[in-house]
Amino acid sequence: MKTIRIENNFARVCPGLKIGIIGAQVTNTETDPRLWEQIDDEASRIAAAYKIDEINKRPAIQATRKAYRSFGKDPNRYRVSSEALCRRIIRGLGIYRIDTLVDLINLVSVRSGYSIGAFDADRIEGDTLVLGVGKEGEIFRGIGRGVLNIEGLPVYRDDKGGIGTPTSDEERTKITLDTKNLFVIINAYGEEIPLDETIAFTTELLRKYASAENIRTDIVSAGLFIE
């Protein structure tokens, strides 16, 4: 499984960050009606529980937005992915149907409030991802978004460059129907649902809907990288 390292300066700004990691061998499919029953149930719960101007007050989302501001990024212009998903639900637009792996990760994100990166592990260059801050002019092609200005955004980089931010992941390492080895990063800048429970829920979904095998999990704390 890939490992994660956090740059010292980043860890100092976000010392409470905890990162849940999941690696697994999976089988992806176009859609799963049983999964969408769960997604629709969760969407109904979110729509009943929150007004659109309350979503950014959810603890996990609020904490991620605070991290954006700490690095000079406007979280209203570059929304946290979990916030964007919840806003779509409340506006009656629903969640995009992509494929089973992406859909179940979106379910976890909506339920927990955490921004979650999900990658095809075979497309990641090297064995270690490093979490730092996006730089001016750094090229990052967000999935379905074109070139994204990631200056000031938290960004995970592999040996080739950026692959994931809490706003969008990169086209180069995105999940496809051919994905066989999955790597998931759950970003807990502030806790809402306990991170270990969120990891357990995710692995349960992966087993049920993606025939996941050889599942490995870990939790990385930013405090370990403060010098």
C-alpha atoms as a PDB file:
ATOM      1  CA  MET A   1       0.000   0.000   0.000  1.00  0.00           C
ATOM      2  CA  LYS A   2       1.129   3.555  -0.689  1.00  0.00           C
ATOM      3  CA  THR A   3       2.361   5.592   2.250  1.00  0.00           C
ATOM      4  CA  ILE A   4       1.764   9.253   3.071  1.00  0.00           C
ATOM      5  CA  ARG A   5       4.161  11.907   4.307  1.00  0.00           C
ATOM      6  CA  ILE A   6       3.153  15.433   5.359  1.00  0.00           C
ATOM      7  CA  GLU A   7       5.467  18.393   4.818  1.00  0.00           C
ATOM      8  CA  ASN A   8       6.589  19.953   8.084  1.00  0.00           C
ATOM      9  CA  ASN A   9       5.231  23.433   7.300  1.00  0.00           C
ATOM     10  CA  PHE A  10       1.862  21.969   6.378  1.00  0.00           C
ATOM     11  CA  ALA A  11       1.700  19.882   9.549  1.00  0.00           C
ATOM     12  CA  ARG A  12       2.446  22.961  11.653  1.00  0.00           C
ATOM     13  CA  VAL A  13      -0.542  24.795  10.156  1.00  0.00           C
ATOM     14  CA  CYS A  14      -2.888  21.786  10.466  1.00  0.00           C
ATOM     15  CA  PRO A  15      -1.569  19.846  13.490  1.00  0.00           C
ATOM     16  CA  GLY A  16      -4.938  18.185  14.164  1.00  0.00           C
ATOM     17  CA  LEU A  17      -5.253  16.655  10.695  1.00  0.00           C
ATOM     18  CA  LYS A  18      -5.781  12.908  10.605  1.00  0.00           C
ATOM     19  CA  ILE A  19      -5.749  10.980   7.349  1.00  0.00           C
ATOM     20  CA  GLY A  20      -7.512   7.662   6.905  1.00  0.00           C
ATOM     21  CA  ILE A  21      -5.933   5.396   4.297  1.00  0.00           C
ATOM     22  CA  ILE A  22      -7.477   2.403   2.545  1.00  0.00           C
ATOM     23  CA  GLY A  23      -5.910   0.158  -0.067  1.00  0.00           C
ATOM     24  CA  ALA A  24      -7.796  -2.697  -1.715  1.00  0.00           C
ATOM     25  CA  GLN A  25      -8.119  -4.917  -4.759  1.00  0.00           C
ATOM     26  CA  VAL A  26     -11.505  -4.178  -6.314  1.00  0.00           C
ATOM     27  CA  THR A  27     -13.877  -4.840  -9.190  1.00  0.00           C
ATOM     28  CA  ASN A  28     -15.584  -1.739 -10.539  1.00  0.00           C
ATOM     29  CA  THR A  29     -18.935  -1.648 -12.345  1.00  0.00           C
ATOM     30  CA  GLU A  30     -21.034   0.987 -14.093  1.00  0.00           C
ATOM     31  CA  THR A  31     -23.707   1.165 -11.394  1.00  0.00           C
ATOM     32  CA  ASP A  32     -25.354  -0.807  -8.595  1.00  0.00           C
ATOM     33  CA  PRO A  33     -29.055  -0.315  -7.799  1.00  0.00           C
ATOM     34  CA  ARG A  34     -28.566  -1.493  -4.198  1.00  0.00           C
ATOM     35  CA  LEU A  35     -25.885   1.141  -3.638  1.00  0.00           C
ATOM     36  CA  TRP A  36     -28.127   3.838  -5.070  1.00  0.00           C
ATOM     37  CA  GLU A  37     -30.825   2.928  -2.594  1.00  0.00           C
ATOM     38  CA  GLN A  38     -28.334   3.767   0.170  1.00  0.00           C
ATOM     39  CA  ILE A  39     -27.250   6.948  -1.585  1.00  0.00           C
ATOM     40  CA  ASP A  40     -30.851   8.104  -2.016  1.00  0.00           C
ATOM     41  CA  ASP A  41     -31.567   7.391   1.666  1.00  0.00           C
ATOM     42  CA  GLU A  42     -28.534   9.426   2.740  1.00  0.00           C
ATOM     43  CA  ALA A  43     -29.451  12.241   0.361  1.00  0.00           C
ATOM     44  CA  SER A  44     -32.933  12.389   1.874  1.00  0.00           C
ATOM     45  CA  ARG A  45     -31.412  12.597   5.361  1.00  0.00           C
ATOM     46  CA  ILE A  46     -29.106  15.462   4.355  1.00  0.00           C
ATOM     47  CA  ALA A  47     -31.920  17.365   2.644  1.00  0.00           C
ATOM     48  CA  ALA A  48     -34.099  17.056   5.742  1.00  0.00           C
ATOM     49  CA  ALA A  49     -31.359  17.939   8.226  1.00  0.00           C
ATOM     50  CA  TYR A  50     -29.728  21.010   6.636  1.00  0.00           C
ATOM     51  CA  LYS A  51     -30.507  24.228   4.832  1.00  0.00           C
ATOM     52  CA  ILE A  52     -28.036  25.235   2.144  1.00  0.00           C
ATOM     53  CA  ASP A  53     -26.450  27.937   4.312  1.00  0.00           C
ATOM     54  CA  GLU A  54     -25.904  25.416   7.130  1.00  0.00           C
ATOM     55  CA  ILE A  55     -23.825  22.876   5.212  1.00  0.00           C
ATOM     56  CA  ASN A  56     -20.566  24.748   5.695  1.00  0.00           C
ATOM     57  CA  LYS A  57     -21.155  24.615   9.465  1.00  0.00           C
ATOM     58  CA  ARG A  58     -20.823  20.823   9.559  1.00  0.00           C
ATOM     59  CA  PRO A  59     -17.702  20.188  11.703  1.00  0.00           C
ATOM     60  CA  ALA A  60     -15.722  18.259   9.069  1.00  0.00           C
ATOM     61  CA  ILE A  61     -16.519  20.749   6.316  1.00  0.00           C
ATOM     62  CA  GLN A  62     -15.946  23.787   8.517  1.00  0.00           C
ATOM     63  CA  ALA A  63     -12.533  22.480   9.571  1.00  0.00           C
ATOM     64  CA  THR A  64     -11.476  21.874   5.955  1.00  0.00           C
ATOM     65  CA  ARG A  65     -12.622  25.369   4.994  1.00  0.00           C
ATOM     66  CA  LYS A  66     -10.530  26.738   7.864  1.00  0.00           C
ATOM     67  CA  ALA A  67      -7.485  24.940   6.444  1.00  0.00           C
ATOM     68  CA  TYR A  68      -8.133  26.578   3.059  1.00  0.00           C
ATOM     69  CA  ARG A  69      -8.178  30.009   4.658  1.00  0.00           C
ATOM     70  CA  SER A  70      -4.977  29.245   6.551  1.00  0.00           C
ATOM     71  CA  PHE A  71      -3.226  28.762   3.202  1.00  0.00           C
ATOM     72  CA  GLY A  72      -4.859  31.791   1.587  1.00  0.00           C
ATOM     73  CA  LYS A  73      -7.535  30.010  -0.465  1.00  0.00           C
ATOM     74  CA  ASP A  74     -11.163  31.147  -0.633  1.00  0.00           C
ATOM     75  CA  PRO A  75     -13.349  28.143   0.314  1.00  0.00           C
ATOM     76  CA  ASN A  76     -16.402  29.808  -1.224  1.00  0.00           C
ATOM     77  CA  ARG A  77     -14.736  29.938  -4.641  1.00  0.00           C
ATOM     78  CA  TYR A  78     -12.981  26.564  -4.356  1.00  0.00           C
ATOM     79  CA  ARG A  79     -15.483  24.468  -2.464  1.00  0.00           C
ATOM     80  CA  VAL A  80     -14.585  21.394  -0.466  1.00  0.00           C
ATOM     81  CA  SER A  81     -15.874  18.358  -2.384  1.00  0.00           C
ATOM     82  CA  SER A  82     -18.094  17.102   0.449  1.00  0.00           C
ATOM     83  CA  GLU A  83     -19.669  20.548   0.761  1.00  0.00           C
ATOM     84  CA  ALA A  84     -20.278  20.717  -2.993  1.00  0.00           C
ATOM     85  CA  LEU A  85     -21.989  17.318  -2.958  1.00  0.00           C
ATOM     86  CA  CYS A  86     -24.259  18.269  -0.057  1.00  0.00           C
ATOM     87  CA  ARG A  87     -25.168  21.562  -1.704  1.00  0.00           C
ATOM     88  CA  ARG A  88     -26.207  19.693  -4.860  1.00  0.00           C
ATOM     89  CA  ILE A  89     -28.477  17.475  -2.766  1.00  0.00           C
ATOM     90  CA  ILE A  90     -30.159  20.396  -1.001  1.00  0.00           C
ATOM     91  CA  ARG A  91     -30.630  22.233  -4.304  1.00  0.00           C
ATOM     92  CA  GLY A  92     -32.414  19.153  -5.674  1.00  0.00           C
ATOM     93  CA  LEU A  93     -29.731  18.380  -8.256  1.00  0.00           C
ATOM     94  CA  GLY A  94     -28.763  14.999  -6.810  1.00  0.00           C
ATOM     95  CA  ILE A  95     -25.369  13.294  -6.909  1.00  0.00           C
ATOM     96  CA  TYR A  96     -23.653  12.511 -10.189  1.00  0.00           C
ATOM     97  CA  ARG A  97     -23.788   8.856 -11.246  1.00  0.00           C
ATOM     98  CA  ILE A  98     -20.253   7.940 -12.327  1.00  0.00           C
ATOM     99  CA  ASP A  99     -19.435   4.325 -11.500  1.00  0.00           C
ATOM    100  CA  THR A 100     -19.730   2.100  -8.438  1.00  0.00           C
ATOM    101  CA  LEU A 101     -16.400   3.013  -6.841  1.00  0.00           C
ATOM    102  CA  VAL A 102     -16.827   6.759  -7.294  1.00  0.00           C
ATOM    103  CA  ASP A 103     -20.471   6.594  -6.224  1.00  0.00           C
ATOM    104  CA  LEU A 104     -19.738   4.763  -2.970  1.00  0.00           C
ATOM    105  CA  ILE A 105     -16.914   7.182  -2.115  1.00  0.00           C
ATOM    106  CA  ASN A 106     -19.355  10.047  -2.683  1.00  0.00           C
ATOM    107  CA  LEU A 107     -21.781   8.344  -0.307  1.00  0.00           C
ATOM    108  CA  VAL A 108     -19.112   8.185   2.411  1.00  0.00           C
ATOM    109  CA  SER A 109     -18.179  11.830   1.821  1.00  0.00           C
ATOM    110  CA  VAL A 110     -21.774  13.048   2.100  1.00  0.00           C
ATOM    111  CA  ARG A 111     -22.400  10.960   5.202  1.00  0.00           C
ATOM    112  CA  SER A 112     -19.200  11.936   7.028  1.00  0.00           C
ATOM    113  CA  GLY A 113     -18.550  15.453   5.751  1.00  0.00           C
ATOM    114  CA  TYR A 114     -14.939  14.498   4.965  1.00  0.00           C
ATOM    115  CA  SER A 115     -13.270  15.269   1.660  1.00  0.00           C
ATOM    116  CA  ILE A 116     -12.143  11.946   0.218  1.00  0.00           C
ATOM    117  CA  GLY A 117      -9.608  11.260  -2.513  1.00  0.00           C
ATOM    118  CA  ALA A 118      -9.949   8.000  -4.427  1.00  0.00           C
ATOM    119  CA  PHE A 119      -7.316   6.927  -6.941  1.00  0.00           C
ATOM    120  CA  ASP A 120      -6.313   4.127  -9.265  1.00  0.00           C
ATOM    121  CA  ALA A 121      -3.237   2.968  -7.350  1.00  0.00           C
ATOM    122  CA  ASP A 122      -1.641   1.585 -10.520  1.00  0.00           C
ATOM    123  CA  ARG A 123      -1.561   5.097 -11.974  1.00  0.00           C
ATOM    124  CA  ILE A 124       0.217   6.620  -8.983  1.00  0.00           C
ATOM    125  CA  GLU A 125       3.938   7.175  -9.586  1.00  0.00           C
ATOM    126  CA  GLY A 126       6.106   5.907  -6.720  1.00  0.00           C
ATOM    127  CA  ASP A 127       5.263   4.470  -3.316  1.00  0.00           C
ATOM    128  CA  THR A 128       4.803   7.666  -1.275  1.00  0.00           C
ATOM    129  CA  LEU A 129       2.400  10.583  -1.521  1.00  0.00           C
ATOM    130  CA  VAL A 130       3.483  13.887   0.018  1.00  0.00           C
ATOM    131  CA  LEU A 131       0.891  16.355   1.338  1.00  0.00           C
ATOM    132  CA  GLY A 132       1.800  20.003   0.874  1.00  0.00           C
ATOM    133  CA  VAL A 133       0.398  23.249  -0.527  1.00  0.00           C
ATOM    134  CA  GLY A 134      -0.269  23.998  -4.195  1.00  0.00           C
ATOM    135  CA  LYS A 135       2.119  26.439  -5.879  1.00  0.00           C
ATOM    136  CA  GLU A 136       1.539  29.247  -8.355  1.00  0.00           C
ATOM    137  CA  GLY A 137       1.466  27.918 -11.919  1.00  0.00           C
ATOM    138  CA  GLU A 138       1.410  24.268 -10.854  1.00  0.00           C
ATOM    139  CA  ILE A 139      -0.433  22.268 -13.521  1.00  0.00           C
ATOM    140  CA  PHE A 140      -3.346  20.249 -12.180  1.00  0.00           C
ATOM    141  CA  ARG A 141      -6.147  18.939 -14.389  1.00  0.00           C
ATOM    142  CA  GLY A 142      -9.170  18.465 -12.160  1.00  0.00           C
ATOM    143  CA  ILE A 143     -11.549  15.678 -13.102  1.00  0.00           C
ATOM    144  CA  GLY A 144     -14.181  17.209 -15.364  1.00  0.00           C
ATOM    145  CA  ARG A 145     -12.916  20.719 -14.527  1.00  0.00           C
ATOM    146  CA  GLY A 146      -9.961  21.324 -16.825  1.00  0.00           C
ATOM    147  CA  VAL A 147      -6.890  23.068 -15.433  1.00  0.00           C
ATOM    148  CA  LEU A 148      -7.545  23.959 -11.781  1.00  0.00           C
ATOM    149  CA  ASN A 149      -5.707  26.726  -9.947  1.00  0.00           C
ATOM    150  CA  ILE A 150      -4.417  24.794  -6.939  1.00  0.00           C
ATOM    151  CA  GLU A 151      -2.226  27.573  -5.528  1.00  0.00           C
ATOM    152  CA  GLY A 152      -2.964  27.596  -1.795  1.00  0.00           C
ATOM    153  CA  LEU A 153      -4.893  24.313  -1.837  1.00  0.00           C
ATOM    154  CA  PRO A 154      -3.787  21.264   0.144  1.00  0.00           C
ATOM    155  CA  VAL A 155      -2.394  18.877  -2.483  1.00  0.00           C
ATOM    156  CA  TYR A 156      -1.103  15.317  -2.480  1.00  0.00           C
ATOM    157  CA  ARG A 157       1.781  14.773  -4.879  1.00  0.00           C
ATOM    158  CA  ASP A 158       3.276  11.566  -6.228  1.00  0.00           C
ATOM    159  CA  ASP A 159       6.653  11.366  -7.969  1.00  0.00           C
ATOM    160  CA  LYS A 160       5.201  13.057 -11.059  1.00  0.00           C
ATOM    161  CA  GLY A 161       3.075  15.824  -9.520  1.00  0.00           C
ATOM    162  CA  GLY A 162      -0.225  16.667  -7.870  1.00  0.00           C
ATOM    163  CA  ILE A 163      -2.968  14.040  -7.854  1.00  0.00           C
ATOM    164  CA  GLY A 164      -5.487  15.127  -5.224  1.00  0.00           C
ATOM    165  CA  THR A 165      -6.942  18.130  -3.399  1.00  0.00           C
ATOM    166  CA  PRO A 166     -10.055  18.419  -1.168  1.00  0.00           C
ATOM    167  CA  THR A 167     -11.736  20.240  -4.086  1.00  0.00           C
ATOM    168  CA  SER A 168     -10.919  17.851  -6.937  1.00  0.00           C
ATOM    169  CA  ASP A 169      -8.686  14.946  -7.883  1.00  0.00           C
ATOM    170  CA  GLU A 170      -6.479  14.828 -10.989  1.00  0.00           C
ATOM    171  CA  GLU A 171      -7.383  13.218 -14.310  1.00  0.00           C
ATOM    172  CA  ARG A 172      -4.118  11.272 -14.449  1.00  0.00           C
ATOM    173  CA  THR A 173      -4.873   8.990 -11.497  1.00  0.00           C
ATOM    174  CA  LYS A 174      -8.669   8.928 -11.603  1.00  0.00           C
ATOM    175  CA  ILE A 175     -10.751   5.792 -11.124  1.00  0.00           C
ATOM    176  CA  THR A 176     -12.071   4.078 -14.254  1.00  0.00           C
ATOM    177  CA  LEU A 177     -14.011   0.893 -14.925  1.00  0.00           C
ATOM    178  CA  ASP A 178     -10.611  -0.782 -15.415  1.00  0.00           C
ATOM    179  CA  THR A 179      -9.386   0.100 -11.909  1.00  0.00           C
ATOM    180  CA  LYS A 180      -8.241  -3.021 -10.056  1.00  0.00           C
ATOM    181  CA  ASN A 181      -6.211  -1.510  -7.212  1.00  0.00           C
ATOM    182  CA  LEU A 182      -7.842   1.293  -5.245  1.00  0.00           C
ATOM    183  CA  PHE A 183      -6.206   3.825  -2.938  1.00  0.00           C
ATOM    184  CA  VAL A 184      -8.435   6.008  -0.755  1.00  0.00           C
ATOM    185  CA  ILE A 185      -7.514   9.030   1.371  1.00  0.00           C
ATOM    186  CA  ILE A 186     -10.015  10.368   3.946  1.00  0.00           C
ATOM    187  CA  ASN A 187      -9.096  13.894   5.054  1.00  0.00           C
ATOM    188  CA  ALA A 188     -10.216  14.620   8.608  1.00  0.00           C
ATOM    189  CA  TYR A 189      -9.153  18.200   9.346  1.00  0.00           C
ATOM    190  CA  GLY A 190     -11.726  18.166  12.128  1.00  0.00           C
ATOM    191  CA  GLU A 191     -13.688  15.184  13.364  1.00  0.00           C
ATOM    192  CA  GLU A 192     -17.404  14.752  12.714  1.00  0.00           C
ATOM    193  CA  ILE A 193     -17.997  11.009  12.569  1.00  0.00           C
ATOM    194  CA  PRO A 194     -15.032   9.194  14.212  1.00  0.00           C
ATOM    195  CA  LEU A 195     -12.430   8.478  11.547  1.00  0.00           C
ATOM    196  CA  ASP A 196     -12.135   4.789  12.405  1.00  0.00           C
ATOM    197  CA  GLU A 197     -15.904   4.421  11.979  1.00  0.00           C
ATOM    198  CA  THR A 198     -15.710   6.148   8.603  1.00  0.00           C
ATOM    199  CA  ILE A 199     -12.940   3.799   7.500  1.00  0.00           C
ATOM    200  CA  ALA A 200     -14.986   0.801   8.630  1.00  0.00           C
ATOM    201  CA  PHE A 201     -18.071   2.058   6.759  1.00  0.00           C
ATOM    202  CA  THR A 202     -16.008   2.559   3.604  1.00  0.00           C
ATOM    203  CA  THR A 203     -14.484  -0.915   3.723  1.00  0.00           C
ATOM    204  CA  GLU A 204     -17.934  -2.396   4.325  1.00  0.00           C
ATOM    205  CA  LEU A 205     -19.210  -0.695   1.162  1.00  0.00           C
ATOM    206  CA  LEU A 206     -16.154  -1.817  -0.799  1.00  0.00           C
ATOM    207  CA  ARG A 207     -16.693  -5.431   0.200  1.00  0.00           C
ATOM    208  CA  LYS A 208     -20.411  -5.299  -0.554  1.00  0.00           C
ATOM    209  CA  TYR A 209     -20.380  -3.452  -3.861  1.00  0.00           C
ATOM    210  CA  ALA A 210     -16.856  -3.793  -5.278  1.00  0.00           C
ATOM    211  CA  SER A 211     -15.888  -7.322  -4.132  1.00  0.00           C
ATOM    212  CA  ALA A 212     -12.931  -5.807  -2.287  1.00  0.00           C
ATOM    213  CA  GLU A 213     -10.121  -8.108  -1.190  1.00  0.00           C
ATOM    214  CA  ASN A 214      -6.741  -7.672   0.487  1.00  0.00           C
ATOM    215  CA  ILE A 215      -7.975  -4.555   2.290  1.00  0.00           C
ATOM    216  CA  ARG A 216      -5.362  -2.579   4.229  1.00  0.00           C
ATOM    217  CA  THR A 217      -6.072   0.454   6.402  1.00  0.00           C
ATOM    218  CA  ASP A 218      -4.101   2.991   8.397  1.00  0.00           C
ATOM    219  CA  ILE A 219      -4.452   6.404  10.057  1.00  0.00           C
ATOM    220  CA  VAL A 220      -1.738   9.049   9.681  1.00  0.00           C
ATOM    221  CA  SER A 221      -1.595  12.011  12.095  1.00  0.00           C
ATOM    222  CA  ALA A 222      -0.073  15.351  11.111  1.00  0.00           C
ATOM    223  CA  GLY A 223       1.456  15.730  14.559  1.00  0.00           C
ATOM    224  CA  LEU A 224       3.972  13.004  13.726  1.00  0.00           C
ATOM    225  CA  PHE A 225       5.501  15.210  11.024  1.00  0.00           C
ATOM    226  CA  ILE A 226       6.067  18.365  13.084  1.00  0.00           C
ATOM    227  CA  GLU A 227       9.762  18.899  13.641  1.00  0.00           C
END
